[in-house]
């Protein structure tokens, strides 16, 4: 479990695809503090298990499923990635609940600077737009962001200078793909409500009968 508050950016030191999956080595510093083999670290929002440690890097094994779903399919040595260690029970939840289980990839469209602030716009797949809520939370490359605007499957997030300057969001170029994790609370609510409906879907009749409209 993570919060979407990035602790530092690291550099991909080595990335090698295997018969099934891949291996990755990340050069970093802060997230290595008190980290042990078997611990979880989110790399660009993807929860990964530490398999090897050195004084200035850690390694992880990436599954074939992760390669298919995330931007890891195109990652390469030298890339800058966002890093966050798993949440502890005595940590402040400064962002929102992030699982590190990426739902899909989105496309970066534009960045607009407003004084010191930035508006970043992304396109997400149409089947995921239902989980995007105005003023709701979304994790983009592991960064907890608030949705400031939605138009169909185009979302805009307003970003403060600290977040922009201390994550890899500042390095995005138009057309780049990012990892998207929508708010898990919305997915659980959808699952629970769908299970109550005889047709296994939410209809207008269902919403009226249960007092939602």
Protein backbone atom coordinates (compact mmCIF):
# COMPACT_ATOMS: atom_id res chain seq x y z
CA UNK A 1 0.00 0.00 0.00
CA UNK A 2 1.26 3.46 -0.94
CA UNK A 3 0.17 7.10 -0.66
CA UNK A 4 1.22 8.57 -4.00
CA UNK A 5 3.67 10.95 -2.31
CA UNK A 6 6.95 10.42 -4.17
CA UNK A 7 10.03 10.17 -1.96
CA UNK A 8 12.63 10.58 -4.70
CA UNK A 9 13.34 9.95 -8.35
CA UNK A 10 15.76 7.22 -9.36
CA UNK A 11 17.55 6.26 -12.55
CA UNK A 12 17.09 2.96 -14.39
CA UNK A 13 20.61 1.55 -14.29
CA UNK A 14 19.82 -1.70 -16.05
CA UNK A 15 16.78 -3.24 -17.71
CA UNK A 16 16.78 -6.67 -19.34
CA UNK A 17 13.87 -8.64 -20.75
CA UNK A 18 13.79 -12.34 -20.02
CA UNK A 19 11.80 -15.23 -21.50
CA UNK A 20 8.98 -14.39 -19.10
CA UNK A 21 9.11 -10.88 -17.65
CA UNK A 22 12.18 -8.72 -17.02
CA UNK A 23 14.73 -7.60 -14.46
CA UNK A 24 15.31 -3.98 -13.47
CA UNK A 25 17.96 -2.22 -11.43
CA UNK A 26 17.27 1.26 -10.04
CA UNK A 27 19.97 3.61 -8.81
CA UNK A 28 18.69 5.69 -5.87
CA UNK A 29 19.40 6.64 -2.28
CA UNK A 30 16.53 7.67 0.03
CA UNK A 31 14.24 4.68 -0.54
CA UNK A 32 17.11 2.34 0.36
CA UNK A 33 17.02 3.53 3.98
CA UNK A 34 15.84 0.64 6.23
CA UNK A 35 14.80 -1.33 3.11
CA UNK A 36 15.27 -5.09 3.11
CA UNK A 37 14.99 -7.78 0.48
CA UNK A 38 11.30 -8.66 0.10
CA UNK A 39 10.09 -5.11 0.78
CA UNK A 40 7.83 -3.30 -1.68
CA UNK A 41 8.80 -0.16 -3.59
CA UNK A 42 6.57 1.53 -6.15
CA UNK A 43 8.41 2.33 -9.39
CA UNK A 44 6.38 4.83 -11.44
CA UNK A 45 3.37 3.65 -9.46
CA UNK A 46 4.01 -0.07 -10.00
CA UNK A 47 4.41 -2.11 -6.82
CA UNK A 48 7.60 -4.17 -7.08
CA UNK A 49 9.40 -6.50 -4.67
CA UNK A 50 13.03 -5.82 -3.86
CA UNK A 51 15.09 -8.89 -4.83
CA UNK A 52 18.62 -7.49 -4.47
CA UNK A 53 20.17 -4.53 -2.63
CA UNK A 54 23.42 -2.62 -2.85
CA UNK A 55 24.65 0.61 -1.29
CA UNK A 56 23.19 2.69 -4.13
CA UNK A 57 20.62 0.54 -5.95
CA UNK A 58 17.98 -2.17 -5.75
CA UNK A 59 16.73 -4.82 -8.17
CA UNK A 60 13.25 -6.18 -8.91
CA UNK A 61 11.76 -8.90 -11.11
CA UNK A 62 8.97 -7.72 -13.41
CA UNK A 63 6.23 -10.16 -14.43
CA UNK A 64 4.93 -10.59 -17.96
CA UNK A 65 1.53 -9.22 -16.86
CA UNK A 66 3.17 -6.05 -15.54
CA UNK A 67 5.03 -5.59 -18.82
CA UNK A 68 1.76 -5.91 -20.74
CA UNK A 69 -0.23 -3.47 -18.59
CA UNK A 70 2.30 -0.78 -17.70
CA UNK A 71 4.86 1.48 -19.35
CA UNK A 72 7.58 -0.97 -18.29
CA UNK A 73 7.23 -2.48 -21.76
CA UNK A 74 9.16 0.50 -23.14
CA UNK A 75 11.37 1.47 -20.19
CA UNK A 76 15.12 1.70 -20.81
CA UNK A 77 18.40 2.41 -19.09
CA UNK A 78 18.76 6.07 -18.17
CA UNK A 79 15.03 6.68 -17.66
CA UNK A 80 14.05 8.66 -14.56
CA UNK A 81 11.41 6.97 -12.40
CA UNK A 82 9.31 7.97 -9.38
CA UNK A 83 9.97 5.96 -6.22
CA UNK A 84 7.99 5.42 -3.02
CA UNK A 85 8.41 2.87 -0.25
CA UNK A 86 5.36 1.03 1.05
CA UNK A 87 3.22 2.79 3.67
CA UNK A 88 3.82 1.94 7.33
CA UNK A 89 1.10 1.97 10.00
CA UNK A 90 2.61 5.05 11.68
CA UNK A 91 2.89 7.05 8.42
CA UNK A 92 0.71 10.00 7.46
CA UNK A 93 -1.54 9.32 4.48
CA UNK A 94 -0.66 12.54 2.69
CA UNK A 95 -1.99 11.56 -0.72
CA UNK A 96 -4.64 8.85 -1.14
CA UNK A 97 -4.81 5.06 -0.98
CA UNK A 98 -2.65 3.72 -3.82
CA UNK A 99 -2.20 -0.04 -4.24
CA UNK A 100 0.57 -0.01 -6.82
CA UNK A 101 -1.57 -2.20 -9.09
CA UNK A 102 -1.74 -0.20 -12.30
CA UNK A 103 -5.05 -0.32 -14.19
CA UNK A 104 -3.99 0.94 -17.58
CA UNK A 105 -1.79 3.35 -19.50
CA UNK A 106 -2.69 6.94 -20.34
CA UNK A 107 -1.25 9.36 -22.88
CA UNK A 108 0.25 12.72 -21.94
CA UNK A 109 -1.26 15.49 -24.07
CA UNK A 110 -0.04 18.84 -22.78
CA UNK A 111 1.34 20.96 -19.96
CA UNK A 112 0.15 24.49 -19.29
CA UNK A 113 1.96 26.66 -16.77
CA UNK A 114 -0.18 29.00 -14.69
CA UNK A 115 2.16 31.29 -12.74
CA UNK A 116 4.03 28.76 -10.58
CA UNK A 117 1.45 26.02 -11.00
CA UNK A 118 0.95 23.54 -13.83
CA UNK A 119 -2.05 21.91 -15.51
CA UNK A 120 -1.18 18.53 -17.01
CA UNK A 121 -3.66 16.92 -19.41
CA UNK A 122 -3.91 13.22 -20.14
CA UNK A 123 -6.03 10.90 -22.27
CA UNK A 124 -7.18 7.70 -20.58
CA UNK A 125 -8.98 4.69 -22.16
CA UNK A 126 -12.75 5.15 -22.45
CA UNK A 127 -13.48 2.11 -20.29
CA UNK A 128 -11.65 3.78 -17.38
CA UNK A 129 -13.15 7.27 -17.57
CA UNK A 130 -16.03 6.20 -15.30
CA UNK A 131 -13.55 5.98 -12.43
CA UNK A 132 -12.33 9.54 -12.96
CA UNK A 133 -14.23 11.93 -10.70
CA UNK A 134 -14.02 15.72 -10.63
CA UNK A 135 -12.00 16.66 -7.54
CA UNK A 136 -11.31 12.96 -7.03
CA UNK A 137 -7.94 11.25 -6.78
CA UNK A 138 -5.90 9.46 -9.42
CA UNK A 139 -2.33 8.12 -9.42
CA UNK A 140 -0.27 9.00 -12.50
CA UNK A 141 3.18 7.40 -12.60
CA UNK A 142 2.62 6.78 -8.91
CA UNK A 143 1.93 10.44 -8.09
CA UNK A 144 -1.26 11.17 -6.14
CA UNK A 145 -3.07 13.92 -8.06
CA UNK A 146 -6.45 15.63 -7.88
CA UNK A 147 -8.54 15.76 -11.03
CA UNK A 148 -9.32 19.40 -11.80
CA UNK A 149 -11.23 18.89 -15.06
CA UNK A 150 -12.84 16.06 -17.03
CA UNK A 151 -14.06 16.10 -20.62
CA UNK A 152 -15.07 12.60 -21.72
CA UNK A 153 -11.84 10.58 -21.36
CA UNK A 154 -9.57 13.65 -21.15
CA UNK A 155 -8.51 14.58 -17.63
CA UNK A 156 -6.55 17.55 -16.33
CA UNK A 157 -4.65 17.57 -13.05
CA UNK A 158 -3.49 20.74 -11.32
CA UNK A 159 0.01 20.28 -9.92
CA UNK A 160 1.87 22.35 -7.36
CA UNK A 161 5.49 23.37 -8.06
CA UNK A 162 6.93 20.94 -5.47
CA UNK A 163 5.28 17.93 -7.11
CA UNK A 164 6.20 19.06 -10.60
CA UNK A 165 9.85 19.69 -9.71
CA UNK A 166 10.37 16.54 -7.63
CA UNK A 167 8.83 13.90 -9.88
CA UNK A 168 9.36 12.72 -13.45
CA UNK A 169 6.15 14.45 -14.56
CA UNK A 170 8.29 17.43 -15.54
CA UNK A 171 10.09 15.24 -18.09
CA UNK A 172 6.96 14.18 -19.99
CA UNK A 173 6.74 14.92 -23.70
CA UNK A 174 3.53 15.02 -25.75
CA UNK A 175 2.58 11.46 -26.67
CA UNK A 176 4.43 9.82 -23.77
CA UNK A 177 2.56 7.07 -21.95
CA UNK A 178 2.08 7.04 -18.18
CA UNK A 179 0.86 4.49 -15.66
CA UNK A 180 -2.70 5.10 -14.42
CA UNK A 181 -4.23 3.77 -11.22
CA UNK A 182 -7.76 4.97 -10.57
CA UNK A 183 -9.19 5.34 -7.07
CA UNK A 184 -9.71 1.86 -5.61
CA UNK A 185 -12.73 3.03 -3.58
CA UNK A 186 -14.72 3.65 -6.75
CA UNK A 187 -13.93 0.18 -8.09
CA UNK A 188 -15.05 -1.50 -4.88
CA UNK A 189 -18.29 0.49 -4.82
CA UNK A 190 -19.00 -0.48 -8.43
CA UNK A 191 -18.37 -4.16 -7.63
CA UNK A 192 -20.64 -4.15 -4.58
CA UNK A 193 -23.50 -2.34 -6.33
CA UNK A 194 -23.22 -4.53 -9.42
CA UNK A 195 -23.41 -7.69 -7.33
CA UNK A 196 -26.78 -6.58 -5.91
CA UNK A 197 -28.32 -6.18 -9.34
CA UNK A 198 -29.95 -9.24 -10.89
CA UNK A 199 -28.63 -8.30 -14.31
CA UNK A 200 -25.13 -7.79 -12.85
CA UNK A 201 -25.14 -4.16 -13.93
CA UNK A 202 -26.25 -0.81 -12.59
CA UNK A 203 -29.42 0.42 -14.29
CA UNK A 204 -31.58 3.51 -13.80
CA UNK A 205 -34.24 1.31 -12.17
CA UNK A 206 -31.66 -0.03 -9.74
CA UNK A 207 -30.48 3.48 -8.83
CA UNK A 208 -34.09 4.65 -8.29
CA UNK A 209 -35.01 1.61 -6.18
CA UNK A 210 -32.00 2.14 -3.93
CA UNK A 211 -32.48 5.89 -3.52
CA UNK A 212 -29.52 7.09 -5.59
CA UNK A 213 -31.67 9.21 -7.96
